[in-house]
Amino acid sequence: MNTTEARQDAAKRKLEELRCSIDNIDAALIYMLAERFRHTQAVGQLKAANDMPPADPAREARQVARLRELATAAHLDPDFAEKFLAFIIREVIRHHEAIAAGTGQ
């Protein structure tokens, strides 16, 4: 095996190791999101049972600010973190609206 082949083999092993770590992190993210949505479903049930609106813009604004700060501290692009949170919030509100309308989720 020549030097180039040896270097590529080492790179392939390292790539596989990194990808394995990424796969584990992805799995953890899925389980964390599932847990988060179990809690937001409970919030939706509580809001619906007490005639509270599905959305809470003040809370959402606080969460955006909080997550932007966390993202900055974690060296993650705060704009990306905000977009990710906005996606999650839209989904949560959709669930809360469905619960309030009696269509489940």
PDB file of N, CA and C in Angstrom:
ATOM      1  N   MET A   1       0.862  -1.174   0.000  1.00  0.00           N
ATOM      2  CA  MET A   1       0.000   0.000   0.000  1.00  0.00           C
ATOM      3  C   MET A   1       0.907   1.234   0.000  1.00  0.00           C
ATOM      4  N   ASN A   2       0.601   2.150  -0.915  1.00  0.00           N
ATOM      5  CA  ASN A   2       1.418   3.364  -0.973  1.00  0.00           C
ATOM      6  C   ASN A   2       0.923   4.398   0.038  1.00  0.00           C
ATOM      7  N   THR A   3       1.647   5.493   0.144  1.00  0.00           N
ATOM      8  CA  THR A   3       1.349   6.529   1.135  1.00  0.00           C
ATOM      9  C   THR A   3      -0.031   7.136   0.926  1.00  0.00           C
ATOM     10  N   THR A   4      -0.412   7.375  -0.325  1.00  0.00           N
ATOM     11  CA  THR A   4      -1.725   7.966  -0.614  1.00  0.00           C
ATOM     12  C   THR A   4      -2.839   7.027  -0.184  1.00  0.00           C
ATOM     13  N   GLU A   5      -2.696   5.745  -0.488  1.00  0.00           N
ATOM     14  CA  GLU A   5      -3.715   4.760  -0.101  1.00  0.00           C
ATOM     15  C   GLU A   5      -3.824   4.645   1.411  1.00  0.00           C
ATOM     16  N   ALA A   6      -2.694   4.643   2.093  1.00  0.00           N
ATOM     17  CA  ALA A   6      -2.693   4.555   3.559  1.00  0.00           C
ATOM     18  C   ALA A   6      -3.375   5.774   4.159  1.00  0.00           C
ATOM     19  N   ARG A   7      -3.076   6.958   3.604  1.00  0.00           N
ATOM     20  CA  ARG A   7      -3.700   8.185   4.097  1.00  0.00           C
ATOM     21  C   ARG A   7      -5.211   8.157   3.867  1.00  0.00           C
ATOM     22  N   GLN A   8      -5.623   7.690   2.696  1.00  0.00           N
ATOM     23  CA  GLN A   8      -7.055   7.608   2.398  1.00  0.00           C
ATOM     24  C   GLN A   8      -7.754   6.588   3.288  1.00  0.00           C
ATOM     25  N   ASP A   9      -7.096   5.461   3.553  1.00  0.00           N
ATOM     26  CA  ASP A   9      -7.687   4.468   4.461  1.00  0.00           C
ATOM     27  C   ASP A   9      -7.874   5.053   5.858  1.00  0.00           C
ATOM     28  N   ALA A  10      -6.875   5.780   6.323  1.00  0.00           N
ATOM     29  CA  ALA A  10      -6.981   6.412   7.642  1.00  0.00           C
ATOM     30  C   ALA A  10      -8.101   7.449   7.634  1.00  0.00           C
ATOM     31  N   ALA A  11      -8.207   8.202   6.555  1.00  0.00           N
ATOM     32  CA  ALA A  11      -9.267   9.202   6.445  1.00  0.00           C
ATOM     33  C   ALA A  11     -10.635   8.544   6.425  1.00  0.00           C
ATOM     34  N   LYS A  12     -10.755   7.426   5.729  1.00  0.00           N
ATOM     35  CA  LYS A  12     -12.039   6.708   5.675  1.00  0.00           C
ATOM     36  C   LYS A  12     -12.434   6.189   7.054  1.00  0.00           C
ATOM     37  N   ARG A  13     -11.456   5.687   7.807  1.00  0.00           N
ATOM     38  CA  ARG A  13     -11.758   5.207   9.164  1.00  0.00           C
ATOM     39  C   ARG A  13     -12.214   6.371  10.052  1.00  0.00           C
ATOM     40  N   LYS A  14     -11.534   7.491   9.937  1.00  0.00           N
ATOM     41  CA  LYS A  14     -11.905   8.673  10.726  1.00  0.00           C
ATOM     42  C   LYS A  14     -13.281   9.180  10.304  1.00  0.00           C
ATOM     43  N   LEU A  15     -13.550   9.187   9.000  1.00  0.00           N
ATOM     44  CA  LEU A  15     -14.853   9.610   8.491  1.00  0.00           C
ATOM     45  C   LEU A  15     -15.962   8.724   9.063  1.00  0.00           C
ATOM     46  N   GLU A  16     -15.740   7.429   9.080  1.00  0.00           N
ATOM     47  CA  GLU A  16     -16.738   6.500   9.620  1.00  0.00           C
ATOM     48  C   GLU A  16     -16.955   6.758  11.115  1.00  0.00           C
ATOM     49  N   GLU A  17     -15.887   7.032  11.832  1.00  0.00           N
ATOM     50  CA  GLU A  17     -15.978   7.334  13.263  1.00  0.00           C
ATOM     51  C   GLU A  17     -16.791   8.617  13.488  1.00  0.00           C
ATOM     52  N   LEU A  18     -16.509   9.649  12.719  1.00  0.00           N
ATOM     53  CA  LEU A  18     -17.247  10.902  12.838  1.00  0.00           C
ATOM     54  C   LEU A  18     -18.717  10.715  12.490  1.00  0.00           C
ATOM     55  N   ARG A  19     -18.967   9.972  11.426  1.00  0.00           N
ATOM     56  CA  ARG A  19     -20.364   9.737  11.021  1.00  0.00           C
ATOM     57  C   ARG A  19     -21.119   8.930  12.067  1.00  0.00           C
ATOM     58  N   CYS A  20     -20.458   8.018  12.719  1.00  0.00           N
ATOM     59  CA  CYS A  20     -21.096   7.241  13.790  1.00  0.00           C
ATOM     60  C   CYS A  20     -21.505   8.179  14.931  1.00  0.00           C
ATOM     61  N   SER A  21     -20.635   9.118  15.279  1.00  0.00           N
ATOM     62  CA  SER A  21     -20.968  10.101  16.317  1.00  0.00           C
ATOM     63  C   SER A  21     -22.144  10.966  15.884  1.00  0.00           C
ATOM     64  N   ILE A  22     -22.142  11.398  14.627  1.00  0.00           N
ATOM     65  CA  ILE A  22     -23.250  12.204  14.106  1.00  0.00           C
ATOM     66  C   ILE A  22     -24.556  11.420  14.171  1.00  0.00           C
ATOM     67  N   ASP A  23     -24.517  10.151  13.792  1.00  0.00           N
ATOM     68  CA  ASP A  23     -25.722   9.312  13.853  1.00  0.00           C
ATOM     69  C   ASP A  23     -26.252   9.204  15.279  1.00  0.00           C
ATOM     70  N   ASN A  24     -25.359   9.066  16.242  1.00  0.00           N
ATOM     71  CA  ASN A  24     -25.774   8.990  17.647  1.00  0.00           C
ATOM     72  C   ASN A  24     -26.398  10.301  18.106  1.00  0.00           C
ATOM     73  N   ILE A  25     -25.818  11.405  17.701  1.00  0.00           N
ATOM     74  CA  ILE A  25     -26.366  12.721  18.051  1.00  0.00           C
ATOM     75  C   ILE A  25     -27.736  12.904  17.411  1.00  0.00           C
ATOM     76  N   ASP A  26     -27.882  12.502  16.142  1.00  0.00           N
ATOM     77  CA  ASP A  26     -29.183  12.598  15.468  1.00  0.00           C
ATOM     78  C   ASP A  26     -30.242  11.795  16.218  1.00  0.00           C
ATOM     79  N   ALA A  27     -29.884  10.604  16.658  1.00  0.00           N
ATOM     80  CA  ALA A  27     -30.831   9.776  17.413  1.00  0.00           C
ATOM     81  C   ALA A  27     -31.225  10.480  18.714  1.00  0.00           C
ATOM     82  N   ALA A  28     -30.255  11.060  19.397  1.00  0.00           N
ATOM     83  CA  ALA A  28     -30.552  11.777  20.643  1.00  0.00           C
ATOM     84  C   ALA A  28     -31.468  12.965  20.373  1.00  0.00           C
ATOM     85  N   LEU A  29     -31.227  13.686  19.280  1.00  0.00           N
ATOM     86  CA  LEU A  29     -32.087  14.818  18.927  1.00  0.00           C
ATOM     87  C   LEU A  29     -33.527  14.373  18.714  1.00  0.00           C
ATOM     88  N   ILE A  30     -33.718  13.264  18.026  1.00  0.00           N
ATOM     89  CA  ILE A  30     -35.069  12.758  17.764  1.00  0.00           C
ATOM     90  C   ILE A  30     -35.772  12.433  19.076  1.00  0.00           C
ATOM     91  N   TYR A  31     -35.073  11.752  19.974  1.00  0.00           N
ATOM     92  CA  TYR A  31     -35.691  11.409  21.253  1.00  0.00           C
ATOM     93  C   TYR A  31     -35.967  12.653  22.099  1.00  0.00           C
ATOM     94  N   MET A  32     -35.077  13.639  22.035  1.00  0.00           N
ATOM     95  CA  MET A  32     -35.298  14.883  22.768  1.00  0.00           C
ATOM     96  C   MET A  32     -36.491  15.650  22.190  1.00  0.00           C
ATOM     97  N   LEU A  33     -36.596  15.691  20.866  1.00  0.00           N
ATOM     98  CA  LEU A  33     -37.751  16.359  20.249  1.00  0.00           C
ATOM     99  C   LEU A  33     -39.047  15.648  20.616  1.00  0.00           C
ATOM    100  N   ALA A  34     -39.023  14.325  20.620  1.00  0.00           N
ATOM    101  CA  ALA A  34     -40.222  13.571  21.002  1.00  0.00           C
ATOM    102  C   ALA A  34     -40.635  13.917  22.437  1.00  0.00           C
ATOM    103  N   GLU A  35     -39.668  13.988  23.329  1.00  0.00           N
ATOM    104  CA  GLU A  35     -39.961  14.341  24.726  1.00  0.00           C
ATOM    105  C   GLU A  35     -40.504  15.769  24.815  1.00  0.00           C
ATOM    106  N   ARG A  36     -39.907  16.669  24.060  1.00  0.00           N
ATOM    107  CA  ARG A  36     -40.368  18.058  24.050  1.00  0.00           C
ATOM    108  C   ARG A  36     -41.826  18.127  23.593  1.00  0.00           C
ATOM    109  N   PHE A  37     -42.145  17.402  22.526  1.00  0.00           N
ATOM    110  CA  PHE A  37     -43.507  17.444  22.002  1.00  0.00           C
ATOM    111  C   PHE A  37     -44.504  16.772  22.942  1.00  0.00           C
ATOM    112  N   ARG A  38     -44.078  15.796  23.718  1.00  0.00           N
ATOM    113  CA  ARG A  38     -44.981  15.228  24.730  1.00  0.00           C
ATOM    114  C   ARG A  38     -45.370  16.316  25.740  1.00  0.00           C
ATOM    115  N   HIS A  39     -44.414  17.126  26.120  1.00  0.00           N
ATOM    116  CA  HIS A  39     -44.696  18.206  27.076  1.00  0.00           C
ATOM    117  C   HIS A  39     -45.544  19.303  26.432  1.00  0.00           C
ATOM    118  N   THR A  40     -45.254  19.655  25.183  1.00  0.00           N
ATOM    119  CA  THR A  40     -46.057  20.708  24.553  1.00  0.00           C
ATOM    120  C   THR A  40     -47.477  20.222  24.273  1.00  0.00           C
ATOM    121  N   GLN A  41     -47.653  18.926  24.070  1.00  0.00           N
ATOM    122  CA  GLN A  41     -49.010  18.385  23.926  1.00  0.00           C
ATOM    123  C   GLN A  41     -49.779  18.574  25.238  1.00  0.00           C
ATOM    124  N   ALA A  42     -49.097  18.334  26.351  1.00  0.00           N
ATOM    125  CA  ALA A  42     -49.733  18.534  27.658  1.00  0.00           C
ATOM    126  C   ALA A  42     -50.094  20.010  27.850  1.00  0.00           C
ATOM    127  N   VAL A  43     -49.216  20.899  27.404  1.00  0.00           N
ATOM    128  CA  VAL A  43     -49.510  22.337  27.473  1.00  0.00           C
ATOM    129  C   VAL A  43     -50.746  22.646  26.633  1.00  0.00           C
ATOM    130  N   GLY A  44     -50.806  22.073  25.432  1.00  0.00           N
ATOM    131  CA  GLY A  44     -51.963  22.293  24.555  1.00  0.00           C
ATOM    132  C   GLY A  44     -53.256  21.814  25.181  1.00  0.00           C
ATOM    133  N   GLN A  45     -53.219  20.667  25.841  1.00  0.00           N
ATOM    134  CA  GLN A  45     -54.404  20.141  26.526  1.00  0.00           C
ATOM    135  C   GLN A  45     -54.825  21.089  27.648  1.00  0.00           C
ATOM    136  N   LEU A  46     -53.850  21.554  28.423  1.00  0.00           N
ATOM    137  CA  LEU A  46     -54.130  22.474  29.523  1.00  0.00           C
ATOM    138  C   LEU A  46     -54.725  23.781  29.004  1.00  0.00           C
ATOM    139  N   LYS A  47     -54.149  24.320  27.943  1.00  0.00           N
ATOM    140  CA  LYS A  47     -54.668  25.562  27.367  1.00  0.00           C
ATOM    141  C   LYS A  47     -56.095  25.371  26.857  1.00  0.00           C
ATOM    142  N   ALA A  48     -56.317  24.277  26.137  1.00  0.00           N
ATOM    143  CA  ALA A  48     -57.648  24.029  25.573  1.00  0.00           C
ATOM    144  C   ALA A  48     -58.686  23.874  26.688  1.00  0.00           C
ATOM    145  N   ALA A  49     -58.324  23.168  27.743  1.00  0.00           N
ATOM    146  CA  ALA A  49     -59.254  22.932  28.847  1.00  0.00           C
ATOM    147  C   ALA A  49     -59.573  24.211  29.614  1.00  0.00           C
ATOM    148  N   ASN A  50     -58.725  25.212  29.478  1.00  0.00           N
ATOM    149  CA  ASN A  50     -58.910  26.454  30.232  1.00  0.00           C
ATOM    150  C   ASN A  50     -59.125  27.660  29.332  1.00  0.00           C
ATOM    151  N   ASP A  51     -59.569  27.400  28.097  1.00  0.00           N
ATOM    152  CA  ASP A  51     -59.886  28.462  27.138  1.00  0.00           C
ATOM    153  C   ASP A  51     -58.761  29.480  26.973  1.00  0.00           C
ATOM    154  N   MET A  52     -57.541  28.974  26.894  1.00  0.00           N
ATOM    155  CA  MET A  52     -56.386  29.838  26.675  1.00  0.00           C
ATOM    156  C   MET A  52     -55.990  29.766  25.202  1.00  0.00           C
ATOM    157  N   PRO A  53     -55.443  30.838  24.645  1.00  0.00           N
ATOM    158  CA  PRO A  53     -55.084  30.826  23.224  1.00  0.00           C
ATOM    159  C   PRO A  53     -53.942  29.851  22.929  1.00  0.00           C
ATOM    160  N   PRO A  54     -53.946  29.256  21.735  1.00  0.00           N
ATOM    161  CA  PRO A  54     -52.889  28.304  21.372  1.00  0.00           C
ATOM    162  C   PRO A  54     -51.496  28.931  21.331  1.00  0.00           C
ATOM    163  N   ALA A  55     -51.408  30.181  20.937  1.00  0.00           N
ATOM    164  CA  ALA A  55     -50.105  30.846  20.818  1.00  0.00           C
ATOM    165  C   ALA A  55     -49.898  31.811  21.978  1.00  0.00           C
ATOM    166  N   ASP A  56     -48.639  32.010  22.325  1.00  0.00           N
ATOM    167  CA  ASP A  56     -48.269  32.953  23.381  1.00  0.00           C
ATOM    168  C   ASP A  56     -47.081  33.765  22.860  1.00  0.00           C
ATOM    169  N   PRO A  57     -47.362  34.836  22.093  1.00  0.00           N
ATOM    170  CA  PRO A  57     -46.287  35.597  21.459  1.00  0.00           C
ATOM    171  C   PRO A  57     -45.230  36.130  22.436  1.00  0.00           C
ATOM    172  N   ALA A  58     -45.626  36.514  23.633  1.00  0.00           N
ATOM    173  CA  ALA A  58     -44.650  37.027  24.605  1.00  0.00           C
ATOM    174  C   ALA A  58     -43.675  35.919  25.009  1.00  0.00           C
ATOM    175  N   ARG A  59     -44.208  34.743  25.274  1.00  0.00           N
ATOM    176  CA  ARG A  59     -43.347  33.590  25.623  1.00  0.00           C
ATOM    177  C   ARG A  59     -42.437  33.246  24.461  1.00  0.00           C
ATOM    178  N   GLU A  60     -42.994  33.253  23.252  1.00  0.00           N
ATOM    179  CA  GLU A  60     -42.189  32.931  22.075  1.00  0.00           C
ATOM    180  C   GLU A  60     -41.033  33.909  21.926  1.00  0.00           C
ATOM    181  N   ALA A  61     -41.286  35.191  22.141  1.00  0.00           N
ATOM    182  CA  ALA A  61     -40.228  36.199  22.036  1.00  0.00           C
ATOM    183  C   ALA A  61     -39.142  35.966  23.084  1.00  0.00           C
ATOM    184  N   ARG A  62     -39.564  35.620  24.305  1.00  0.00           N
ATOM    185  CA  ARG A  62     -38.576  35.324  25.356  1.00  0.00           C
ATOM    186  C   ARG A  62     -37.741  34.104  24.987  1.00  0.00           C
ATOM    187  N   GLN A  63     -38.395  33.094  24.433  1.00  0.00           N
ATOM    188  CA  GLN A  63     -37.683  31.875  24.045  1.00  0.00           C
ATOM    189  C   GLN A  63     -36.687  32.148  22.918  1.00  0.00           C
ATOM    190  N   VAL A  64     -37.084  32.954  21.950  1.00  0.00           N
ATOM    191  CA  VAL A  64     -36.172  33.296  20.858  1.00  0.00           C
ATOM    192  C   VAL A  64     -34.933  33.981  21.420  1.00  0.00           C
ATOM    193  N   ALA A  65     -35.131  34.963  22.281  1.00  0.00           N
ATOM    194  CA  ALA A  65     -33.995  35.674  22.874  1.00  0.00           C
ATOM    195  C   ALA A  65     -33.115  34.714  23.675  1.00  0.00           C
ATOM    196  N   ARG A  66     -33.743  33.868  24.462  1.00  0.00           N
ATOM    197  CA  ARG A  66     -33.008  32.906  25.285  1.00  0.00           C
ATOM    198  C   ARG A  66     -32.205  31.941  24.431  1.00  0.00           C
ATOM    199  N   LEU A  67     -32.828  31.385  23.395  1.00  0.00           N
ATOM    200  CA  LEU A  67     -32.123  30.431  22.553  1.00  0.00           C
ATOM    201  C   LEU A  67     -31.037  31.084  21.700  1.00  0.00           C
ATOM    202  N   ARG A  68     -31.235  32.325  21.318  1.00  0.00           N
ATOM    203  CA  ARG A  68     -30.164  33.038  20.601  1.00  0.00           C
ATOM    204  C   ARG A  68     -28.939  33.185  21.510  1.00  0.00           C
ATOM    205  N   GLU A  69     -29.176  33.505  22.784  1.00  0.00           N
ATOM    206  CA  GLU A  69     -28.067  33.616  23.739  1.00  0.00           C
ATOM    207  C   GLU A  69     -27.380  32.268  23.931  1.00  0.00           C
ATOM    208  N   LEU A  70     -28.172  31.219  24.097  1.00  0.00           N
ATOM    209  CA  LEU A  70     -27.600  29.882  24.251  1.00  0.00           C
ATOM    210  C   LEU A  70     -26.794  29.484  23.016  1.00  0.00           C
ATOM    211  N   ALA A  71     -27.330  29.780  21.844  1.00  0.00           N
ATOM    212  CA  ALA A  71     -26.633  29.443  20.604  1.00  0.00           C
ATOM    213  C   ALA A  71     -25.293  30.166  20.535  1.00  0.00           C
ATOM    214  N   THR A  72     -25.300  31.431  20.876  1.00  0.00           N
ATOM    215  CA  THR A  72     -24.053  32.199  20.856  1.00  0.00           C
ATOM    216  C   THR A  72     -23.036  31.581  21.813  1.00  0.00           C
ATOM    217  N   ALA A  73     -23.483  31.245  23.013  1.00  0.00           N
ATOM    218  CA  ALA A  73     -22.582  30.630  24.000  1.00  0.00           C
ATOM    219  C   ALA A  73     -22.056  29.277  23.525  1.00  0.00           C
ATOM    220  N   ALA A  74     -22.870  28.570  22.753  1.00  0.00           N
ATOM    221  CA  ALA A  74     -22.485  27.244  22.258  1.00  0.00           C
ATOM    222  C   ALA A  74     -21.739  27.304  20.929  1.00  0.00           C
ATOM    223  N   HIS A  75     -21.489  28.504  20.432  1.00  0.00           N
ATOM    224  CA  HIS A  75     -20.813  28.704  19.141  1.00  0.00           C
ATOM    225  C   HIS A  75     -21.629  28.125  17.987  1.00  0.00           C
ATOM    226  N   LEU A  76     -22.942  28.317  18.073  1.00  0.00           N
ATOM    227  CA  LEU A  76     -23.868  27.938  17.015  1.00  0.00           C
ATOM    228  C   LEU A  76     -24.456  29.223  16.450  1.00  0.00           C
ATOM    229  N   ASP A  77     -24.643  29.268  15.170  1.00  0.00           N
ATOM    230  CA  ASP A  77     -25.197  30.458  14.526  1.00  0.00           C
ATOM    231  C   ASP A  77     -26.561  30.778  15.141  1.00  0.00           C
ATOM    232  N   PRO A  78     -26.711  31.933  15.810  1.00  0.00           N
ATOM    233  CA  PRO A  78     -27.987  32.259  16.453  1.00  0.00           C
ATOM    234  C   PRO A  78     -29.133  32.402  15.447  1.00  0.00           C
ATOM    235  N   ASP A  79     -28.837  32.811  14.219  1.00  0.00           N
ATOM    236  CA  ASP A  79     -29.891  32.883  13.201  1.00  0.00           C
ATOM    237  C   ASP A  79     -30.421  31.495  12.882  1.00  0.00           C
ATOM    238  N   PHE A  80     -29.520  30.518  12.794  1.00  0.00           N
ATOM    239  CA  PHE A  80     -29.948  29.139  12.568  1.00  0.00           C
ATOM    240  C   PHE A  80     -30.796  28.654  13.739  1.00  0.00           C
ATOM    241  N   ALA A  81     -30.340  28.916  14.958  1.00  0.00           N
ATOM    242  CA  ALA A  81     -31.085  28.489  16.150  1.00  0.00           C
ATOM    243  C   ALA A  81     -32.476  29.098  16.159  1.00  0.00           C
ATOM    244  N   GLU A  82     -32.579  30.372  15.776  1.00  0.00           N
ATOM    245  CA  GLU A  82     -33.884  31.036  15.748  1.00  0.00           C
ATOM    246  C   GLU A  82     -34.792  30.402  14.691  1.00  0.00           C
ATOM    247  N   LYS A  83     -34.251  30.101  13.525  1.00  0.00           N
ATOM    248  CA  LYS A  83     -35.049  29.464  12.469  1.00  0.00           C
ATOM    249  C   LYS A  83     -35.523  28.075  12.917  1.00  0.00           C
ATOM    250  N   PHE A  84     -34.642  27.345  13.579  1.00  0.00           N
ATOM    251  CA  PHE A  84     -34.994  26.016  14.069  1.00  0.00           C
ATOM    252  C   PHE A  84     -36.111  26.114  15.106  1.00  0.00           C
ATOM    253  N   LEU A  85     -35.977  27.063  16.036  1.00  0.00           N
ATOM    254  CA  LEU A  85     -37.012  27.258  17.049  1.00  0.00           C
ATOM    255  C   LEU A  85     -38.320  27.697  16.413  1.00  0.00           C
ATOM    256  N   ALA A  86     -38.249  28.577  15.416  1.00  0.00           N
ATOM    257  CA  ALA A  86     -39.472  29.040  14.744  1.00  0.00           C
ATOM    258  C   ALA A  86     -40.209  27.867  14.107  1.00  0.00           C
ATOM    259  N   PHE A  87     -39.469  26.952  13.521  1.00  0.00           N
ATOM    260  CA  PHE A  87     -40.087  25.762  12.930  1.00  0.00           C
ATOM    261  C   PHE A  87     -40.799  24.940  14.007  1.00  0.00           C
ATOM    262  N   ILE A  88     -40.138  24.743  15.120  1.00  0.00           N
ATOM    263  CA  ILE A  88     -40.730  23.967  16.218  1.00  0.00           C
ATOM    264  C   ILE A  88     -41.961  24.680  16.770  1.00  0.00           C
ATOM    265  N   ILE A  89     -41.862  25.981  16.966  1.00  0.00           N
ATOM    266  CA  ILE A  89     -42.990  26.739  17.510  1.00  0.00           C
ATOM    267  C   ILE A  89     -44.193  26.658  16.575  1.00  0.00           C
ATOM    268  N   ARG A  90     -43.961  26.771  15.272  1.00  0.00           N
ATOM    269  CA  ARG A  90     -45.082  26.658  14.314  1.00  0.00           C
ATOM    270  C   ARG A  90     -45.769  25.302  14.452  1.00  0.00           C
ATOM    271  N   GLU A  91     -44.994  24.257  14.621  1.00  0.00           N
ATOM    272  CA  GLU A  91     -45.560  22.923  14.766  1.00  0.00           C
ATOM    273  C   GLU A  91     -46.325  22.797  16.084  1.00  0.00           C
ATOM    274  N   VAL A  92     -45.783  23.334  17.151  1.00  0.00           N
ATOM    275  CA  VAL A  92     -46.461  23.300  18.455  1.00  0.00           C
ATOM    276  C   VAL A  92     -47.788  24.045  18.381  1.00  0.00           C
ATOM    277  N   ILE A  93     -47.788  25.222  17.778  1.00  0.00           N
ATOM    278  CA  ILE A  93     -49.028  26.001  17.663  1.00  0.00           C
ATOM    279  C   ILE A  93     -50.049  25.237  16.821  1.00  0.00           C
ATOM    280  N   ARG A  94     -49.596  24.605  15.765  1.00  0.00           N
ATOM    281  CA  ARG A  94     -50.492  23.793  14.942  1.00  0.00           C
ATOM    282  C   ARG A  94     -51.136  22.694  15.793  1.00  0.00           C
ATOM    283  N   HIS A  95     -50.336  22.039  16.626  1.00  0.00           N
ATOM    284  CA  HIS A  95     -50.874  21.004  17.526  1.00  0.00           C
ATOM    285  C   HIS A  95     -51.866  21.609  18.520  1.00  0.00           C
ATOM    286  N   HIS A  96     -51.507  22.747  19.086  1.00  0.00           N
ATOM    287  CA  HIS A  96     -52.391  23.391  20.068  1.00  0.00           C
ATOM    288  C   HIS A  96     -53.711  23.806  19.431  1.00  0.00           C
ATOM    289  N   GLU A  97     -53.648  24.308  18.207  1.00  0.00           N
ATOM    290  CA  GLU A  97     -54.886  24.672  17.510  1.00  0.00           C
ATOM    291  C   GLU A  97     -55.753  23.440  17.243  1.00  0.00           C
ATOM    292  N   ALA A  98     -55.117  22.337  16.875  1.00  0.00           N
ATOM    293  CA  ALA A  98     -55.872  21.102  16.644  1.00  0.00           C
ATOM    294  C   ALA A  98     -56.507  20.594  17.934  1.00  0.00           C
ATOM    295  N   ILE A  99     -55.779  20.672  19.016  1.00  0.00           N
ATOM    296  CA  ILE A  99     -56.321  20.253  20.310  1.00  0.00           C
ATOM    297  C   ILE A  99     -57.509  21.138  20.681  1.00  0.00           C
ATOM    298  N   ALA A 100     -57.339  22.456  20.535  1.00  0.00           N
ATOM    299  CA  ALA A 100     -58.414  23.395  20.884  1.00  0.00           C
ATOM    300  C   ALA A 100     -59.639  23.173  20.004  1.00  0.00           C
ATOM    301  N   ALA A 101     -59.416  22.781  18.753  1.00  0.00           N
ATOM    302  CA  ALA A 101     -60.529  22.536  17.836  1.00  0.00           C
ATOM    303  C   ALA A 101     -61.144  21.161  18.043  1.00  0.00           C
ATOM    304  N   GLY A 102     -60.521  20.371  18.912  1.00  0.00           N
ATOM    305  CA  GLY A 102     -61.055  19.037  19.184  1.00  0.00           C
ATOM    306  C   GLY A 102     -60.704  18.017  18.113  1.00  0.00           C
ATOM    307  N   THR A 103     -59.685  18.335  17.308  1.00  0.00           N
ATOM    308  CA  THR A 103     -59.294  17.391  16.244  1.00  0.00           C
ATOM    309  C   THR A 103     -58.077  16.581  16.642  1.00  0.00           C
ATOM    310  N   GLY A 104     -57.673  16.671  17.899  1.00  0.00           N
ATOM    311  CA  GLY A 104     -56.654  15.780  18.421  1.00  0.00           C
ATOM    312  C   GLY A 104     -55.228  16.252  18.295  1.00  0.00           C
ATOM    313  N   GLN A 105     -54.367  15.299  17.991  1.00  0.00           N
ATOM    314  CA  GLN A 105     -52.893  15.366  17.911  1.00  0.00           C
ATOM    315  C   GLN A 105     -52.332  14.762  19.142  1.00  0.00           C
TER     316      GLN A 105
END
